[in-house]
Protein backbone atom coordinates (compact mmCIF):
# COMPACT_ATOMS: atom_id res chain seq x y z
CA MET A 1 -31.72 45.66 -52.95
CA PRO A 2 -34.16 45.73 -49.97
CA GLU A 3 -34.39 42.48 -48.07
CA PHE A 4 -38.15 42.19 -48.68
CA ASP A 5 -39.10 43.41 -52.15
CA ALA A 6 -42.71 43.31 -53.27
CA PRO A 7 -43.41 39.75 -54.44
CA ASP A 8 -45.37 38.55 -57.43
CA LEU A 9 -48.12 36.92 -55.38
CA ARG A 10 -50.45 34.25 -56.73
CA SER A 11 -54.14 34.54 -55.89
CA ALA A 12 -54.17 31.55 -53.56
CA HIS A 13 -52.45 31.67 -50.18
CA VAL A 14 -50.74 28.30 -49.77
CA ILE A 15 -50.63 26.77 -46.28
CA VAL A 16 -48.35 23.76 -45.93
CA VAL A 17 -48.58 21.63 -42.79
CA ALA A 18 -45.33 19.72 -42.46
CA ASN A 19 -42.69 18.19 -40.23
CA GLU A 20 -40.28 15.36 -40.96
CA LYS A 21 -41.13 13.92 -37.56
CA GLY A 22 -44.20 11.67 -37.53
CA GLY A 23 -46.98 11.57 -34.96
CA THR A 24 -47.22 15.32 -34.40
CA GLY A 25 -50.80 15.82 -35.58
CA LYS A 26 -50.21 17.30 -39.05
CA SER A 27 -53.46 15.95 -40.48
CA THR A 28 -55.46 17.10 -37.45
CA LEU A 29 -54.17 20.64 -37.97
CA SER A 30 -54.78 20.45 -41.74
CA ILE A 31 -58.36 19.38 -41.12
CA HIS A 32 -59.14 22.17 -38.66
CA ILE A 33 -57.39 24.91 -40.63
CA SER A 34 -59.30 23.89 -43.79
CA VAL A 35 -62.70 23.77 -42.09
CA ALA A 36 -62.09 27.06 -40.26
CA LEU A 37 -61.33 28.81 -43.56
CA LEU A 38 -64.38 27.26 -45.23
CA LYS A 39 -66.58 28.47 -42.39
CA ALA A 40 -65.11 31.96 -42.76
CA GLY A 41 -66.49 31.96 -46.30
CA PHE A 42 -63.25 31.46 -48.23
CA ARG A 43 -62.86 29.32 -51.32
CA VAL A 44 -60.59 26.52 -50.12
CA SER A 45 -58.78 23.69 -51.89
CA THR A 46 -56.98 20.88 -50.07
CA ILE A 47 -54.19 18.62 -51.32
CA ASP A 48 -53.20 15.38 -49.59
CA LEU A 49 -49.58 14.52 -50.36
CA ASP A 50 -49.44 11.72 -47.79
CA THR A 51 -50.08 9.03 -50.38
CA ARG A 52 -49.81 6.19 -47.86
CA GLN A 53 -51.88 7.36 -44.89
CA ARG A 54 -54.41 9.57 -46.74
CA THR A 55 -55.80 10.85 -43.43
CA LEU A 56 -56.93 14.20 -44.85
CA THR A 57 -58.58 12.41 -47.77
CA ARG A 58 -60.41 9.99 -45.47
CA PHE A 59 -61.68 12.89 -43.36
CA PHE A 60 -63.19 14.72 -46.32
CA GLU A 61 -64.66 11.49 -47.66
CA ASN A 62 -66.35 11.07 -44.28
CA ARG A 63 -67.47 14.71 -44.35
CA ALA A 64 -68.95 14.36 -47.82
CA SER A 65 -70.83 11.26 -46.69
CA TRP A 66 -72.22 13.11 -43.66
CA ALA A 67 -73.11 16.11 -45.82
CA ALA A 68 -75.47 13.99 -47.95
CA ASN A 69 -77.99 13.80 -45.09
CA ALA A 70 -76.83 16.51 -42.67
CA PRO A 71 -79.36 18.84 -41.01
CA TRP A 72 -77.25 21.85 -42.09
CA ASP A 73 -75.16 22.87 -45.09
CA VAL A 74 -71.78 21.22 -44.65
CA GLU A 75 -68.82 23.08 -46.18
CA LEU A 76 -66.49 21.06 -48.41
CA PRO A 77 -63.24 22.06 -50.15
CA ARG A 78 -62.05 21.18 -53.64
CA HIS A 79 -59.96 18.19 -52.63
CA HIS A 80 -57.05 16.60 -54.51
CA ALA A 81 -55.36 13.33 -53.55
CA PRO A 82 -52.59 12.71 -56.13
CA ASP A 83 -51.66 9.06 -56.57
CA ARG A 84 -48.15 7.88 -55.86
CA GLY A 85 -45.94 6.55 -58.64
CA ASN A 86 -45.84 2.76 -58.75
CA SER A 87 -42.94 2.24 -61.11
CA GLU A 88 -39.78 0.42 -60.06
CA ASN A 89 -37.82 3.42 -61.29
CA VAL A 90 -37.55 6.18 -58.67
CA ARG A 91 -37.06 8.94 -61.23
CA ASP A 92 -40.13 7.84 -63.18
CA ASN A 93 -42.13 7.91 -59.95
CA GLU A 94 -40.93 11.44 -59.17
CA THR A 95 -41.85 12.59 -62.67
CA TRP A 96 -45.33 11.07 -62.35
CA GLU A 97 -45.92 12.53 -58.88
CA PHE A 98 -44.64 15.95 -59.91
CA GLY A 99 -47.02 15.99 -62.86
CA ALA A 100 -50.01 15.08 -60.67
CA PHE A 101 -49.09 17.67 -58.03
CA ALA A 102 -48.40 20.38 -60.62
CA ALA A 103 -51.77 19.70 -62.24
CA ALA A 104 -53.54 20.03 -58.88
CA ILE A 105 -51.77 23.31 -58.08
CA SER A 106 -52.36 24.83 -61.52
CA GLU A 107 -56.07 23.99 -61.26
CA VAL A 108 -56.60 25.81 -57.97
CA GLU A 109 -53.96 28.52 -57.52
CA HIS A 110 -55.99 31.19 -59.34
CA GLU A 111 -59.52 30.00 -58.55
CA TYR A 112 -59.26 29.50 -54.80
CA GLU A 113 -58.27 31.85 -51.99
CA PHE A 114 -56.51 29.24 -49.84
CA VAL A 115 -54.79 25.95 -50.60
CA VAL A 116 -54.04 23.68 -47.61
CA ILE A 117 -51.44 20.96 -48.23
CA ASP A 118 -50.98 18.04 -45.84
CA THR A 119 -47.58 16.34 -46.19
CA PRO A 120 -46.09 12.96 -45.20
CA ALA A 121 -43.57 12.56 -42.38
CA SER A 122 -40.65 11.95 -44.70
CA ASP A 123 -38.06 13.83 -46.70
CA SER A 124 -39.29 13.31 -50.23
CA TYR A 125 -39.20 15.15 -53.53
CA LEU A 126 -42.85 16.22 -53.27
CA MET A 127 -42.49 17.22 -49.63
CA ARG A 128 -39.63 19.59 -50.53
CA LEU A 129 -41.56 20.94 -53.49
CA ALA A 130 -44.54 21.71 -51.25
CA HIS A 131 -42.29 23.65 -48.88
CA SER A 132 -41.02 25.82 -51.70
CA LEU A 133 -44.62 26.81 -52.55
CA ALA A 134 -45.65 27.65 -48.98
CA ASP A 135 -46.73 31.12 -47.92
CA THR A 136 -47.53 29.87 -44.43
CA LEU A 137 -45.68 26.81 -43.14
CA VAL A 138 -47.16 25.17 -40.05
CA SER A 139 -44.89 22.66 -38.30
CA PRO A 140 -46.50 20.88 -35.33
CA VAL A 141 -44.30 19.41 -32.60
CA ASN A 142 -45.07 17.37 -29.52
CA ASP A 143 -43.88 18.57 -26.11
CA SER A 144 -40.74 16.49 -26.40
CA PHE A 145 -37.07 17.28 -26.98
CA ILE A 146 -37.12 14.39 -29.46
CA ASP A 147 -39.33 16.60 -31.64
CA VAL A 148 -37.23 19.72 -31.04
CA ASP A 149 -34.17 17.77 -32.20
CA VAL A 150 -35.33 17.86 -35.84
CA PHE A 151 -35.00 21.66 -35.73
CA SER A 152 -32.03 22.22 -33.47
CA ARG A 153 -29.69 19.61 -32.00
CA VAL A 154 -30.48 18.62 -28.43
CA HIS A 155 -27.30 17.45 -26.71
CA HIS A 156 -25.87 17.29 -23.19
CA ASP A 157 -22.65 18.86 -24.51
CA ARG A 158 -23.30 22.59 -24.87
CA SER A 159 -20.69 22.84 -27.62
CA GLN A 160 -22.86 20.58 -29.81
CA ARG A 161 -26.23 21.87 -28.68
CA GLY A 162 -28.20 24.23 -30.91
CA GLN A 163 -26.75 23.24 -34.27
CA VAL A 164 -29.27 23.57 -37.11
CA ALA A 165 -30.81 20.14 -37.65
CA HIS A 166 -31.98 18.44 -40.83
CA TYR A 167 -35.59 19.64 -41.02
CA ALA A 168 -34.75 23.24 -40.15
CA ASP A 169 -32.10 23.16 -42.86
CA LEU A 170 -34.74 21.94 -45.32
CA VAL A 171 -36.98 24.90 -44.44
CA LEU A 172 -34.15 27.43 -44.66
CA GLU A 173 -33.24 26.10 -48.11
CA ALA A 174 -36.91 26.35 -49.20
CA ARG A 175 -36.90 29.96 -48.06
CA ARG A 176 -33.78 30.74 -50.07
CA LYS A 177 -35.28 29.18 -53.21
CA ARG A 178 -38.61 30.94 -52.72
CA LYS A 179 -36.94 34.35 -52.48
CA LEU A 180 -35.01 33.70 -55.70
CA VAL A 181 -38.12 32.58 -57.60
CA ASP A 182 -40.64 35.33 -56.76
CA GLN A 183 -39.32 37.39 -53.81
CA GLY A 184 -41.89 35.58 -51.66
CA ILE A 185 -41.62 34.91 -47.95
CA ILE A 186 -42.43 31.75 -45.99
CA ASP A 187 -44.03 32.52 -42.64
CA TRP A 188 -42.89 29.57 -40.51
CA ILE A 189 -44.95 28.78 -37.43
CA ILE A 190 -43.85 26.00 -35.09
CA VAL A 191 -46.90 24.82 -33.15
CA ARG A 192 -46.73 22.96 -29.87
CA ASN A 193 -49.38 20.34 -30.55
CA ARG A 194 -51.06 17.45 -28.74
CA MET A 195 -50.32 19.26 -25.53
CA SER A 196 -51.08 17.64 -22.19
CA SER A 197 -53.88 19.13 -20.11
CA THR A 198 -51.44 19.46 -17.21
CA GLN A 199 -48.55 21.89 -17.57
CA SER A 200 -45.46 19.84 -16.75
CA ASN A 201 -41.94 21.10 -16.18
CA ASN A 202 -40.94 19.45 -19.48
CA ALA A 203 -43.65 21.40 -21.35
CA LYS A 204 -42.36 24.65 -19.86
CA GLN A 205 -38.83 23.77 -20.97
CA ILE A 206 -40.02 23.00 -24.51
CA SER A 207 -41.86 26.33 -24.67
CA ALA A 208 -38.80 28.21 -23.43
CA SER A 209 -36.54 26.34 -25.86
CA LEU A 210 -38.72 27.23 -28.86
CA SER A 211 -38.81 30.88 -27.79
CA ARG A 212 -34.99 30.95 -27.69
CA LEU A 213 -34.72 29.30 -31.12
CA ALA A 214 -37.25 31.60 -32.83
CA PRO A 215 -34.91 34.54 -33.63
CA GLU A 216 -32.13 32.25 -34.88
CA LEU A 217 -34.27 30.06 -37.15
CA GLN A 218 -36.76 32.84 -37.94
CA PHE A 219 -40.06 31.24 -36.97
CA ARG A 220 -43.07 32.13 -34.85
CA PRO A 221 -43.76 29.82 -31.89
CA ALA A 222 -47.41 29.09 -31.13
CA ASP A 223 -49.61 26.86 -29.00
CA GLY A 224 -51.71 24.35 -30.89
CA LEU A 225 -54.27 21.78 -29.82
CA HIS A 226 -54.44 19.67 -26.71
CA ASP A 227 -54.70 15.90 -27.06
CA ARG A 228 -58.50 15.68 -26.83
CA VAL A 229 -60.78 12.69 -27.34
CA ILE A 230 -63.31 14.85 -29.18
CA PHE A 231 -60.96 15.29 -32.15
CA ARG A 232 -60.74 11.53 -32.62
CA GLU A 233 -64.47 10.96 -32.01
CA LEU A 234 -65.53 13.37 -34.73
CA PHE A 235 -63.18 12.04 -37.43
CA PRO A 236 -65.40 9.09 -38.55
CA ILE A 237 -68.28 11.44 -39.40
CA GLY A 238 -66.09 14.15 -40.91
CA LEU A 239 -66.90 16.86 -38.39
CA THR A 240 -64.83 19.21 -36.26
CA THR A 241 -65.48 21.15 -33.09
CA LEU A 242 -66.16 24.18 -35.31
CA ASP A 243 -69.25 22.45 -36.73
CA PRO A 244 -72.62 22.70 -34.91
CA ILE A 245 -72.08 19.28 -33.36
CA GLU A 246 -74.76 20.01 -30.76
CA GLU A 247 -77.25 19.62 -33.62
CA ALA A 248 -75.64 16.34 -34.60
CA MET A 249 -76.15 15.21 -31.01
CA ARG A 250 -79.86 16.07 -31.29
CA GLY A 251 -79.87 19.24 -29.29
CA SER A 252 -77.50 18.25 -26.52
CA SER A 253 -75.44 21.14 -25.23
CA LEU A 254 -71.68 21.03 -25.56
CA THR A 255 -69.57 20.00 -22.61
CA ASN A 256 -66.98 22.36 -21.16
CA SER A 257 -64.28 20.21 -22.76
CA GLN A 258 -65.92 20.46 -26.20
CA LEU A 259 -66.32 24.22 -25.86
CA ALA A 260 -62.67 24.50 -24.82
CA ALA A 261 -61.66 22.48 -27.90
CA ARG A 262 -63.61 24.86 -30.15
CA ARG A 263 -61.98 27.92 -28.56
CA GLU A 264 -58.59 26.26 -28.92
CA VAL A 265 -59.04 25.86 -32.68
CA GLU A 266 -60.29 29.44 -33.04
CA THR A 267 -57.28 30.73 -31.09
CA LEU A 268 -54.88 28.76 -33.30
CA ILE A 269 -56.43 30.15 -36.49
CA ALA A 270 -56.11 33.69 -35.13
CA THR A 271 -52.46 33.02 -34.23
CA LEU A 272 -51.65 32.00 -37.81
CA GLN A 273 -52.43 35.60 -38.89
CA LEU A 274 -53.61 34.59 -42.35
CA PRO A 275 -54.78 37.15 -44.92
CA GLU A 276 -58.16 38.48 -43.83
CA ARG A 277 -60.79 39.68 -46.21
CA SER A 278 -62.50 42.90 -45.19
CA ARG A 279 -65.26 45.02 -46.70
CA GLY A 280 -64.12 46.59 -49.94
CA MET A 281 -60.80 44.70 -49.99
CA ALA A 282 -60.07 42.01 -52.55
CA HIS A 283 -58.31 38.85 -51.45
CA LEU A 284 -55.15 39.68 -53.41
CA GLN A 285 -54.91 43.03 -51.63
CA ALA A 286 -55.28 41.19 -48.33
CA ARG A 287 -52.42 38.94 -49.46
CA HIS A 288 -50.20 41.98 -50.05
CA ASP A 289 -51.13 43.43 -46.66
CA TRP A 290 -50.26 40.08 -45.11
CA PHE A 291 -46.88 40.12 -46.84
CA GLU A 292 -46.05 43.58 -45.48
CA ARG A 293 -47.15 42.66 -41.97
CA ILE A 294 -45.22 39.37 -41.83
CA SER A 295 -42.15 40.94 -43.43
CA ARG A 296 -42.05 43.57 -40.68
CA TYR A 297 -42.28 40.84 -38.05
CA TYR A 298 -39.22 39.01 -39.40
CA ARG A 299 -37.26 42.23 -39.82
CA ASP A 300 -37.94 43.07 -36.17
CA LEU A 301 -37.10 39.52 -35.12
CA LYS A 302 -33.62 39.89 -36.61
CA ASP A 303 -32.96 43.22 -34.88
């Protein structure tokens, strides 16, 4: 049997933003990916599985509030924020949470072109389930070997260095299950995120380390977003650098830093290589073209 048989693709392309390590900017990436797709004219649904922090939910609540009186049409997704189980029985909680998540997925998987799922920084039942549904898995990491250690062991002893770590093992298992279920593929992109504006020797080492790991763990390394004040400033009003924020600032022109932030987000979206709709091509056909393109990449990566 060929390694990559034609899958039975659902209509929606599922993007899961996840990493077991906290503080890597998962919600920031989820926000910008969602808004970028909305602005490209796609039908987008978002699901917030981080039932404690609810950062993605808060952002879209802020965006909806701004939209009520905005001077332009503000794009909004179909957003789901499943509640967490509150029983004292863990299995009952998992059953409740699975039901809520399954209901959200079944509602949107055939009506929307993209589903963006933000996940908590923990190894949970729902987090693993989300991984198994992913077409594109985006895992942000900080420029730190502490973050790299969740993928591949960082150790002074070379005999122990490079062993597959817990989160990478979780992803590899999700890939195995996905292939068994529908012959699908998970395009895994590890994104260096919250990067410093100055290129340090440590950052260069992290970049080189991820490039070395890519063929072994079968992922695509990419640069993400710098740690910019503008991302935090826009959160309370539910806007991103992709929005016409110069209008929100009453005609003020954007600063060089704000323009750089916008280009950074646009570059990241292009790097994800998501299915692109073109004239005369239905979204599902674009999904199949994406599958063929990404499959070739991973075949070449193994060679």
